[in-house]
Protein backbone atom coordinates (compact mmCIF):
# COMPACT_ATOMS: atom_id res chain seq x y z
CA MET A 1 4.44 58.65 -41.80
CA ALA A 2 1.13 56.90 -43.05
CA PHE A 3 -0.29 54.23 -40.65
CA ARG A 4 0.73 50.75 -41.95
CA ALA A 5 -1.86 48.33 -40.67
CA GLU A 6 -0.11 45.22 -41.63
CA GLU A 7 3.23 45.94 -40.55
CA ALA A 8 1.43 47.43 -36.96
CA ALA A 9 -0.32 43.87 -36.75
CA ALA A 10 2.86 41.99 -37.56
CA SER A 11 5.19 43.78 -34.81
CA ASN A 12 2.66 43.29 -32.29
CA PHE A 13 2.18 39.73 -33.14
CA GLU A 14 5.63 39.39 -32.60
CA ASN A 15 5.81 41.09 -28.95
CA ALA A 16 2.77 39.24 -28.10
CA TYR A 17 4.49 35.94 -29.25
CA ARG A 18 7.83 36.79 -27.39
CA TYR A 19 5.66 37.31 -24.03
CA LEU A 20 3.60 34.29 -24.25
CA VAL A 21 6.50 31.84 -24.69
CA PRO A 22 7.31 30.53 -21.30
CA GLN A 23 10.74 30.94 -19.80
CA GLY A 24 12.90 28.00 -20.89
CA SER A 25 10.45 26.70 -23.77
CA ASN A 26 12.23 24.43 -26.39
CA GLN A 27 11.43 24.65 -30.03
CA GLU A 28 8.39 22.55 -29.91
CA MET A 29 6.85 24.55 -27.25
CA ARG A 30 7.94 27.97 -28.83
CA SER A 31 6.06 26.60 -32.21
CA LYS A 32 2.86 25.35 -30.37
CA VAL A 33 2.76 28.93 -28.85
CA ARG A 34 3.03 30.76 -32.32
CA ALA A 35 0.43 28.31 -33.78
CA LYS A 36 -2.04 29.04 -31.04
CA LEU A 37 -1.65 32.66 -31.41
CA LYS A 38 -1.94 32.78 -35.18
CA GLU A 39 -5.28 30.77 -34.28
CA ILE A 40 -6.40 33.21 -32.10
CA VAL A 41 -5.67 36.33 -34.47
CA GLU A 42 -7.35 34.15 -37.36
CA GLU A 43 -10.81 34.23 -35.01
CA CYS A 44 -10.42 37.56 -33.11
CA GLY A 45 -8.37 40.09 -35.11
CA PRO A 46 -5.02 41.40 -35.11
CA VAL A 47 -2.99 42.01 -31.58
CA VAL A 48 -3.76 45.69 -30.59
CA ASP A 49 -2.53 48.13 -27.94
CA GLY A 50 -5.71 49.47 -26.56
CA TYR A 51 -9.43 49.89 -27.50
CA PRO A 52 -11.56 52.93 -28.67
CA ALA A 53 -13.96 53.95 -25.94
CA TRP A 54 -16.92 52.70 -27.56
CA HIS A 55 -15.73 49.11 -27.81
CA PRO A 56 -17.86 46.69 -25.98
CA PHE A 57 -14.77 45.34 -23.99
CA LEU A 58 -14.98 49.04 -22.27
CA LEU A 59 -18.80 48.93 -21.30
CA GLU A 60 -17.82 49.03 -17.62
CA ARG A 61 -15.97 52.24 -17.82
CA ASP A 62 -16.28 55.25 -16.22
CA LYS A 63 -17.84 57.51 -18.74
CA ALA A 64 -17.28 61.09 -17.26
CA ILE A 65 -13.50 60.45 -17.50
CA TRP A 66 -11.25 59.92 -20.22
CA ALA A 67 -11.26 56.35 -21.47
CA PRO A 68 -8.67 53.45 -20.37
CA MET A 69 -6.97 51.75 -23.12
CA THR A 70 -8.13 48.40 -21.84
CA PRO A 71 -10.66 47.38 -19.39
CA ASN A 72 -8.17 45.49 -16.93
CA ASN A 73 -9.25 48.06 -13.91
CA THR A 74 -13.08 47.68 -14.63
CA PRO A 75 -15.13 45.36 -12.43
CA SER A 76 -15.53 42.08 -14.33
CA PHE A 77 -11.81 42.50 -15.80
CA LYS A 78 -10.23 42.86 -12.47
CA TYR A 79 -8.44 39.35 -12.78
CA LEU A 80 -6.77 40.13 -16.20
CA ASP A 81 -3.37 39.52 -15.60
CA HIS A 82 -0.22 38.72 -18.25
CA THR A 83 -2.84 39.85 -20.96
CA VAL A 84 -2.62 40.18 -24.86
CA TYR A 85 -5.43 42.16 -26.37
CA PHE A 86 -6.90 41.32 -29.73
CA ARG A 87 -9.64 43.39 -31.74
CA ASN A 88 -12.19 41.27 -30.60
CA GLY A 89 -10.64 39.20 -28.11
CA ILE A 90 -8.63 38.88 -24.64
CA LEU A 91 -5.96 36.23 -24.01
CA THR A 92 -4.99 36.47 -20.12
CA CYS A 93 -2.93 34.11 -18.28
CA PRO A 94 -3.79 34.67 -14.51
CA TYR A 95 -2.85 32.15 -11.92
CA GLY A 96 -5.29 29.96 -10.52
CA HIS A 97 -6.40 32.05 -7.71
CA GLY A 98 -9.98 34.02 -8.62
CA VAL A 99 -10.53 32.21 -11.93
CA ASP A 100 -13.71 30.70 -11.29
CA GLU A 101 -15.09 34.12 -10.10
CA PHE A 102 -13.39 35.80 -13.28
CA ILE A 103 -15.17 33.22 -15.62
CA ALA A 104 -18.66 33.71 -13.59
CA GLY A 105 -18.33 37.45 -13.92
CA ILE A 106 -17.70 37.68 -17.83
CA LYS A 107 -20.43 35.20 -18.57
CA ARG A 108 -22.79 37.58 -16.80
CA LEU A 109 -21.85 40.74 -18.88
CA LYS A 110 -24.37 42.18 -21.04
CA HIS A 111 -23.90 44.67 -24.02
CA THR A 112 -26.73 45.49 -26.56
CA ASP A 113 -24.38 45.24 -29.60
CA ALA A 114 -22.19 42.28 -28.42
CA HIS A 115 -22.22 39.16 -26.39
CA PHE A 116 -19.16 37.59 -24.69
CA SER A 117 -17.83 34.11 -24.08
CA ILE A 118 -14.73 32.75 -22.25
CA GLU A 119 -12.69 29.51 -22.53
CA LYS A 120 -9.80 27.89 -20.91
CA ILE A 121 -7.22 27.12 -23.27
CA ASP A 122 -5.61 23.69 -22.14
CA ASP A 123 -3.78 22.46 -25.47
CA VAL A 124 -0.91 24.78 -24.91
CA VAL A 125 1.33 26.28 -22.16
CA LEU A 126 1.17 30.31 -22.37
CA TYR A 127 3.17 32.51 -20.12
CA ASN A 128 4.04 30.21 -17.42
CA ASP A 129 3.17 26.49 -16.45
CA ASN A 130 1.21 27.51 -13.75
CA ALA A 131 -0.64 30.15 -15.35
CA VAL A 132 -4.40 29.52 -16.51
CA PRO A 133 -5.16 30.64 -20.15
CA LEU A 134 -8.27 32.08 -20.76
CA LEU A 135 -9.82 33.69 -24.16
CA ILE A 136 -12.39 36.01 -23.86
CA LYS A 137 -14.33 36.55 -27.20
CA CYS A 138 -16.38 39.77 -28.26
CA HIS A 139 -19.41 38.49 -30.70
CA TRP A 140 -20.55 41.49 -32.33
CA LEU A 141 -24.29 41.49 -32.86
CA ILE A 142 -24.72 44.10 -35.55
CA SER A 143 -26.66 43.83 -38.60
CA GLU A 144 -23.88 44.89 -40.87
CA ASP A 145 -21.11 42.26 -41.72
CA MET A 146 -17.66 43.37 -40.95
CA GLU A 147 -15.41 44.91 -43.82
CA GLU A 148 -13.51 42.80 -45.99
CA ASP A 149 -10.21 43.37 -43.93
CA GLY A 150 -12.13 42.72 -40.89
CA THR A 151 -12.58 46.01 -39.46
CA ILE A 152 -15.57 47.38 -37.89
CA PRO A 153 -18.16 48.71 -40.24
CA ALA A 154 -18.81 52.84 -40.34
CA LYS A 155 -22.34 52.54 -39.40
CA ALA A 156 -21.54 50.65 -35.98
CA ALA A 157 -18.39 52.57 -35.23
CA ILE A 158 -19.73 55.81 -36.04
CA GLY A 159 -23.23 54.62 -34.10
CA LEU A 160 -21.12 53.48 -31.09
CA MET A 161 -18.74 56.74 -31.03
CA LEU A 162 -21.77 59.06 -30.72
CA GLU A 163 -23.42 57.18 -28.39
CA SER A 164 -20.08 57.25 -26.36
CA GLU A 165 -19.35 60.57 -26.97
CA VAL A 166 -22.34 62.88 -27.10
CA PRO A 167 -23.63 62.27 -23.71
CA ASN A 168 -20.23 64.36 -22.52
CA TRP A 169 -22.46 67.50 -23.70
CA ARG A 170 -23.69 67.79 -20.16
CA HIS A 171 -20.26 68.41 -18.37
CA ALA A 172 -18.18 69.19 -21.37
CA VAL A 173 -16.27 72.70 -21.33
CA TYR A 174 -13.71 72.46 -23.68
CA CYS A 175 -14.02 70.32 -26.86
CA GLU A 176 -11.32 67.98 -28.14
CA ASN A 177 -9.96 68.17 -31.61
CA TRP A 178 -9.52 65.03 -34.06
CA GLU A 179 -5.82 64.72 -33.59
CA ASP A 180 -6.16 64.57 -29.75
CA MET A 181 -9.03 62.10 -29.80
CA ARG A 182 -7.90 59.56 -32.66
CA GLY A 183 -7.04 56.88 -30.09
CA GLN A 184 -10.05 57.35 -28.10
CA LEU A 185 -11.99 57.15 -31.15
CA MET A 186 -10.26 54.90 -33.35
CA GLY A 187 -8.43 52.65 -30.55
CA TYR A 188 -4.46 52.02 -30.75
CA PRO A 189 -2.31 51.71 -32.45
CA HIS A 190 -3.66 54.17 -35.10
CA GLY A 191 -2.83 57.07 -37.81
CA ALA A 192 -4.38 59.85 -38.84
CA ARG A 193 -7.51 58.27 -39.97
CA SER A 194 -7.43 54.47 -39.67
CA SER A 195 -6.42 51.86 -36.88
CA LEU A 196 -6.59 48.17 -36.46
CA PHE A 197 -10.37 48.44 -35.63
CA VAL A 198 -11.51 50.76 -38.65
CA ASN A 199 -9.94 51.31 -42.04
CA GLN A 200 -9.25 54.45 -43.82
CA GLN A 201 -12.72 54.83 -45.36
CA THR A 202 -14.43 54.53 -42.27
CA GLY A 203 -11.84 56.29 -40.09
CA GLN A 204 -12.24 59.47 -42.81
CA LYS A 205 -16.07 59.14 -42.05
CA MET A 206 -15.71 59.44 -38.44
CA LYS A 207 -13.30 62.27 -38.54
CA ASN A 208 -15.81 63.98 -40.57
CA PHE A 209 -18.43 63.18 -38.11
CA TRP A 210 -16.30 64.32 -35.16
CA ASN A 211 -15.27 67.69 -36.81
CA GLN A 212 -18.85 68.51 -37.60
CA LEU A 213 -19.99 67.59 -34.22
CA ILE A 214 -17.33 69.99 -32.60
CA LYS A 215 -18.30 72.70 -34.71
CA THR A 216 -21.81 72.66 -33.15
CA GLY A 217 -20.30 73.56 -30.02
CA ILE A 218 -22.14 70.92 -28.10
CA LEU A 219 -19.32 69.22 -26.60
CA GLY A 220 -17.59 72.57 -25.51
CA GLU A 221 -15.78 75.57 -26.97
CA GLU A 222 -12.75 75.70 -28.49
CA ARG A 223 -9.26 75.87 -26.10
């Protein structure tokens, strides 16, 4: 079945909406949550399940092992709690403990191709009355504009993919085929050669690069 980006984005939006609505909310409160979520999607892109290994949000991951889908177990993101992930944003709703330390840690993060911002959301209750909603944004610092559909351009996606994966030549024993690597390289959810991060054209180029790369044997031999 072909990957349908719009359907995946719409389904993820509704799941996130239901998750963020505080228990016992009236219709007015529910409407405010939906409006805020739409506002965030407009700025940060669609709700996603997980990031490609090369996304700036995963900059602190252990590069010697399979990349996690989300950064919640990495040092600067350890306070993530009750969280919704977007293409270029993270909405998290922790309770008060550690919030100031969390904000300071995000502000210290450095990445060559992006900078990060974090802000409190105080105009709507999200998840729980006692939660402190925080929106973390990834602001790309690349020379190319995003694609018209909002996805990441091929030059950046392929360049970051190669930077992320080629260093594994030092310890790779067996290479991984495209089918097994699609989530790592394109994010989640994904199809055969596209996702909510990269469109069909970019995904096809990434696939071509990956297939040529593993043919060289640099990332190990075939299983």
